[in-house]
Amino acid sequence: MTVLRGFLITISSGVAFGSFGAVAGYLLGSAAPDYYRTVFQLPPESPINLAQAGLGLGVTQGTAVGLFVGLVIVVTVAWYNSRTAAGSR
């Protein structure tokens, strides 16, 4: 695996998970705003737009998970390639 390929896998995983997290967070903030009110103990009269808060939280959490998953994939493939190359000598 090349460095460029590992970089692309990690970044694309971060973007994909971040996009999914954005959609999930926005839908959760729109359809079930009481979830965020309960988690963050916000009063009902709070001026916070919960759909936007869900979008922001979804993007950040999704991107973090996606980068972690991408790095795990890259490290696993690199480890596997190093083990199979060592065994063929």
N, C-alpha and C. Protein backbone atom coordinates (compact mmCIF):
# COMPACT_ATOMS: atom_id res chain seq x y z
N MET A 1 0.85 -1.17 0.00
CA MET A 1 0.00 0.00 0.00
C MET A 1 0.90 1.23 0.00
N THR A 2 0.56 2.17 -0.84
CA THR A 2 1.33 3.41 -0.91
C THR A 2 0.81 4.40 0.14
N VAL A 3 1.61 5.40 0.42
CA VAL A 3 1.21 6.43 1.37
C VAL A 3 0.00 7.18 0.84
N LEU A 4 -0.02 7.48 -0.45
CA LEU A 4 -1.15 8.19 -1.05
C LEU A 4 -2.43 7.38 -0.92
N ARG A 5 -2.36 6.09 -1.17
CA ARG A 5 -3.55 5.25 -1.06
C ARG A 5 -4.05 5.21 0.38
N GLY A 6 -3.14 5.08 1.34
CA GLY A 6 -3.53 5.09 2.75
C GLY A 6 -4.16 6.41 3.15
N PHE A 7 -3.59 7.50 2.66
CA PHE A 7 -4.14 8.83 2.94
C PHE A 7 -5.54 8.97 2.35
N LEU A 8 -5.73 8.52 1.12
CA LEU A 8 -7.04 8.62 0.48
C LEU A 8 -8.09 7.76 1.19
N ILE A 9 -7.70 6.58 1.63
CA ILE A 9 -8.63 5.72 2.36
C ILE A 9 -9.05 6.40 3.66
N THR A 10 -8.11 6.95 4.38
CA THR A 10 -8.41 7.59 5.65
C THR A 10 -9.31 8.82 5.46
N ILE A 11 -8.97 9.66 4.51
CA ILE A 11 -9.76 10.88 4.27
C ILE A 11 -11.16 10.54 3.75
N SER A 12 -11.26 9.59 2.82
CA SER A 12 -12.58 9.25 2.29
C SER A 12 -13.45 8.61 3.36
N SER A 13 -12.85 7.85 4.24
CA SER A 13 -13.61 7.28 5.35
C SER A 13 -14.11 8.39 6.28
N GLY A 14 -13.26 9.36 6.57
CA GLY A 14 -13.67 10.49 7.40
C GLY A 14 -14.80 11.30 6.78
N VAL A 15 -14.71 11.52 5.47
CA VAL A 15 -15.76 12.28 4.78
C VAL A 15 -17.07 11.49 4.75
N ALA A 16 -16.99 10.20 4.47
CA ALA A 16 -18.21 9.38 4.40
C ALA A 16 -18.90 9.30 5.76
N PHE A 17 -18.14 9.01 6.81
CA PHE A 17 -18.74 8.94 8.13
C PHE A 17 -19.21 10.31 8.61
N GLY A 18 -18.49 11.36 8.27
CA GLY A 18 -18.91 12.71 8.63
C GLY A 18 -20.22 13.09 7.96
N SER A 19 -20.37 12.71 6.70
CA SER A 19 -21.62 12.98 5.98
C SER A 19 -22.79 12.22 6.58
N PHE A 20 -22.54 10.94 6.87
CA PHE A 20 -23.59 10.15 7.51
C PHE A 20 -23.95 10.71 8.87
N GLY A 21 -22.95 11.11 9.64
CA GLY A 21 -23.20 11.69 10.96
C GLY A 21 -23.97 13.00 10.87
N ALA A 22 -23.67 13.81 9.85
CA ALA A 22 -24.38 15.07 9.67
C ALA A 22 -25.87 14.83 9.42
N VAL A 23 -26.15 13.89 8.53
CA VAL A 23 -27.55 13.58 8.22
C VAL A 23 -28.25 13.00 9.44
N ALA A 24 -27.60 12.06 10.12
CA ALA A 24 -28.21 11.44 11.30
C ALA A 24 -28.43 12.46 12.41
N GLY A 25 -27.46 13.32 12.67
CA GLY A 25 -27.60 14.33 13.71
C GLY A 25 -28.68 15.34 13.39
N TYR A 26 -28.75 15.75 12.11
CA TYR A 26 -29.78 16.71 11.72
C TYR A 26 -31.18 16.10 11.85
N LEU A 27 -31.31 14.86 11.40
CA LEU A 27 -32.61 14.20 11.51
C LEU A 27 -33.00 13.98 12.97
N LEU A 28 -32.05 13.63 13.80
CA LEU A 28 -32.33 13.45 15.22
C LEU A 28 -32.73 14.77 15.87
N GLY A 29 -32.03 15.84 15.53
CA GLY A 29 -32.37 17.15 16.08
C GLY A 29 -33.70 17.67 15.58
N SER A 30 -34.10 17.27 14.37
CA SER A 30 -35.38 17.71 13.80
C SER A 30 -36.54 16.85 14.28
N ALA A 31 -36.36 15.54 14.27
CA ALA A 31 -37.46 14.63 14.59
C ALA A 31 -37.62 14.41 16.09
N ALA A 32 -36.53 14.41 16.83
CA ALA A 32 -36.59 14.15 18.27
C ALA A 32 -35.73 15.17 19.03
N PRO A 33 -36.13 16.44 19.01
CA PRO A 33 -35.30 17.47 19.65
C PRO A 33 -35.17 17.28 21.16
N ASP A 34 -36.10 16.56 21.77
CA ASP A 34 -36.01 16.32 23.21
C ASP A 34 -34.79 15.48 23.57
N TYR A 35 -34.25 14.75 22.62
CA TYR A 35 -33.04 13.97 22.88
C TYR A 35 -31.90 14.90 23.30
N TYR A 36 -31.66 15.94 22.50
CA TYR A 36 -30.58 16.87 22.81
C TYR A 36 -30.90 17.71 24.05
N ARG A 37 -32.17 18.03 24.25
CA ARG A 37 -32.55 18.76 25.46
C ARG A 37 -32.25 17.93 26.70
N THR A 38 -32.51 16.63 26.61
CA THR A 38 -32.26 15.74 27.75
C THR A 38 -30.77 15.52 27.97
N VAL A 39 -30.03 15.26 26.90
CA VAL A 39 -28.60 14.97 27.02
C VAL A 39 -27.84 16.17 27.58
N PHE A 40 -28.15 17.36 27.10
CA PHE A 40 -27.43 18.56 27.52
C PHE A 40 -28.18 19.36 28.58
N GLN A 41 -29.27 18.83 29.09
CA GLN A 41 -30.09 19.47 30.13
C GLN A 41 -30.45 20.90 29.77
N LEU A 42 -31.00 21.08 28.57
CA LEU A 42 -31.41 22.40 28.09
C LEU A 42 -32.87 22.64 28.46
N PRO A 43 -33.19 23.83 28.93
CA PRO A 43 -34.59 24.14 29.20
C PRO A 43 -35.37 24.28 27.89
N PRO A 44 -36.67 24.03 27.92
CA PRO A 44 -37.48 24.11 26.69
C PRO A 44 -37.45 25.49 26.03
N GLU A 45 -37.24 26.56 26.80
CA GLU A 45 -37.22 27.91 26.24
C GLU A 45 -35.84 28.32 25.71
N SER A 46 -34.91 27.39 25.66
CA SER A 46 -33.56 27.68 25.17
C SER A 46 -33.61 28.07 23.69
N PRO A 47 -32.86 29.12 23.30
CA PRO A 47 -32.91 29.59 21.91
C PRO A 47 -32.06 28.77 20.94
N ILE A 48 -31.48 27.69 21.41
CA ILE A 48 -30.61 26.88 20.54
C ILE A 48 -31.44 26.14 19.50
N ASN A 49 -30.99 26.21 18.24
CA ASN A 49 -31.62 25.44 17.18
C ASN A 49 -31.08 24.02 17.27
N LEU A 50 -31.91 23.10 17.69
CA LEU A 50 -31.45 21.74 17.98
C LEU A 50 -31.12 20.96 16.71
N ALA A 51 -31.73 21.30 15.59
CA ALA A 51 -31.37 20.63 14.34
C ALA A 51 -29.95 21.01 13.93
N GLN A 52 -29.60 22.27 14.10
CA GLN A 52 -28.24 22.71 13.78
C GLN A 52 -27.22 22.13 14.76
N ALA A 53 -27.60 22.05 16.01
CA ALA A 53 -26.71 21.45 17.01
C ALA A 53 -26.48 19.98 16.67
N GLY A 54 -27.53 19.28 16.28
CA GLY A 54 -27.39 17.88 15.87
C GLY A 54 -26.52 17.73 14.64
N LEU A 55 -26.66 18.65 13.70
CA LEU A 55 -25.83 18.63 12.50
C LEU A 55 -24.35 18.79 12.87
N GLY A 56 -24.05 19.76 13.70
CA GLY A 56 -22.67 19.99 14.10
C GLY A 56 -22.08 18.84 14.89
N LEU A 57 -22.84 18.31 15.81
CA LEU A 57 -22.37 17.17 16.59
C LEU A 57 -22.19 15.94 15.70
N GLY A 58 -23.11 15.74 14.77
CA GLY A 58 -23.01 14.59 13.87
C GLY A 58 -21.79 14.67 12.97
N VAL A 59 -21.49 15.86 12.47
CA VAL A 59 -20.32 16.04 11.60
C VAL A 59 -19.04 15.76 12.39
N THR A 60 -18.91 16.34 13.57
CA THR A 60 -17.67 16.16 14.32
C THR A 60 -17.50 14.73 14.81
N GLN A 61 -18.55 14.15 15.34
CA GLN A 61 -18.43 12.78 15.84
C GLN A 61 -18.27 11.79 14.69
N GLY A 62 -19.00 11.99 13.61
CA GLY A 62 -18.88 11.11 12.45
C GLY A 62 -17.50 11.18 11.82
N THR A 63 -16.96 12.38 11.71
CA THR A 63 -15.62 12.53 11.13
C THR A 63 -14.56 11.87 12.01
N ALA A 64 -14.68 12.04 13.31
CA ALA A 64 -13.71 11.41 14.23
C ALA A 64 -13.76 9.89 14.12
N VAL A 65 -14.95 9.34 14.09
CA VAL A 65 -15.09 7.89 13.96
C VAL A 65 -14.59 7.43 12.59
N GLY A 66 -14.91 8.18 11.56
CA GLY A 66 -14.46 7.82 10.21
C GLY A 66 -12.95 7.84 10.07
N LEU A 67 -12.30 8.84 10.64
CA LEU A 67 -10.84 8.88 10.59
C LEU A 67 -10.23 7.71 11.35
N PHE A 68 -10.81 7.37 12.49
CA PHE A 68 -10.33 6.23 13.26
C PHE A 68 -10.51 4.93 12.47
N VAL A 69 -11.67 4.74 11.88
CA VAL A 69 -11.93 3.53 11.09
C VAL A 69 -10.98 3.46 9.89
N GLY A 70 -10.79 4.59 9.21
CA GLY A 70 -9.88 4.62 8.07
C GLY A 70 -8.47 4.26 8.47
N LEU A 71 -8.01 4.79 9.60
CA LEU A 71 -6.66 4.46 10.07
C LEU A 71 -6.54 3.00 10.46
N VAL A 72 -7.58 2.44 11.07
CA VAL A 72 -7.55 1.02 11.41
C VAL A 72 -7.47 0.17 10.15
N ILE A 73 -8.21 0.55 9.12
CA ILE A 73 -8.16 -0.18 7.85
C ILE A 73 -6.76 -0.11 7.25
N VAL A 74 -6.18 1.07 7.22
CA VAL A 74 -4.85 1.25 6.62
C VAL A 74 -3.80 0.46 7.40
N VAL A 75 -3.84 0.54 8.72
CA VAL A 75 -2.86 -0.18 9.52
C VAL A 75 -3.04 -1.69 9.36
N THR A 76 -4.28 -2.16 9.32
CA THR A 76 -4.53 -3.58 9.15
C THR A 76 -4.04 -4.08 7.80
N VAL A 77 -4.31 -3.35 6.74
CA VAL A 77 -3.85 -3.76 5.41
C VAL A 77 -2.33 -3.70 5.33
N ALA A 78 -1.73 -2.68 5.88
CA ALA A 78 -0.27 -2.58 5.87
C ALA A 78 0.35 -3.73 6.66
N TRP A 79 -0.22 -4.05 7.81
CA TRP A 79 0.29 -5.16 8.61
C TRP A 79 0.14 -6.48 7.85
N TYR A 80 -1.02 -6.68 7.23
CA TYR A 80 -1.24 -7.90 6.46
C TYR A 80 -0.25 -8.00 5.30
N ASN A 81 -0.04 -6.91 4.59
CA ASN A 81 0.90 -6.91 3.47
C ASN A 81 2.33 -7.20 3.96
N SER A 82 2.69 -6.67 5.10
CA SER A 82 4.05 -6.93 5.62
C SER A 82 4.19 -8.39 6.05
N ARG A 83 3.14 -8.97 6.59
CA ARG A 83 3.20 -10.37 7.02
C ARG A 83 3.24 -11.31 5.81
N THR A 84 2.47 -11.04 4.77
CA THR A 84 2.48 -11.91 3.60
C THR A 84 3.78 -11.76 2.82
N ALA A 85 4.36 -10.57 2.81
CA ALA A 85 5.64 -10.38 2.12
C ALA A 85 6.76 -11.08 2.88
N ALA A 86 6.68 -11.07 4.22
CA ALA A 86 7.71 -11.75 5.01
C ALA A 86 7.61 -13.26 4.88
N GLY A 87 6.40 -13.77 4.70
CA GLY A 87 6.22 -15.21 4.57
C GLY A 87 6.61 -15.77 3.22
N SER A 88 6.68 -14.93 2.21
CA SER A 88 7.01 -15.40 0.86
C SER A 88 8.50 -15.42 0.59
N ARG A 89 9.31 -15.01 1.55
CA ARG A 89 10.77 -14.99 1.35
C ARG A 89 11.37 -16.35 1.46
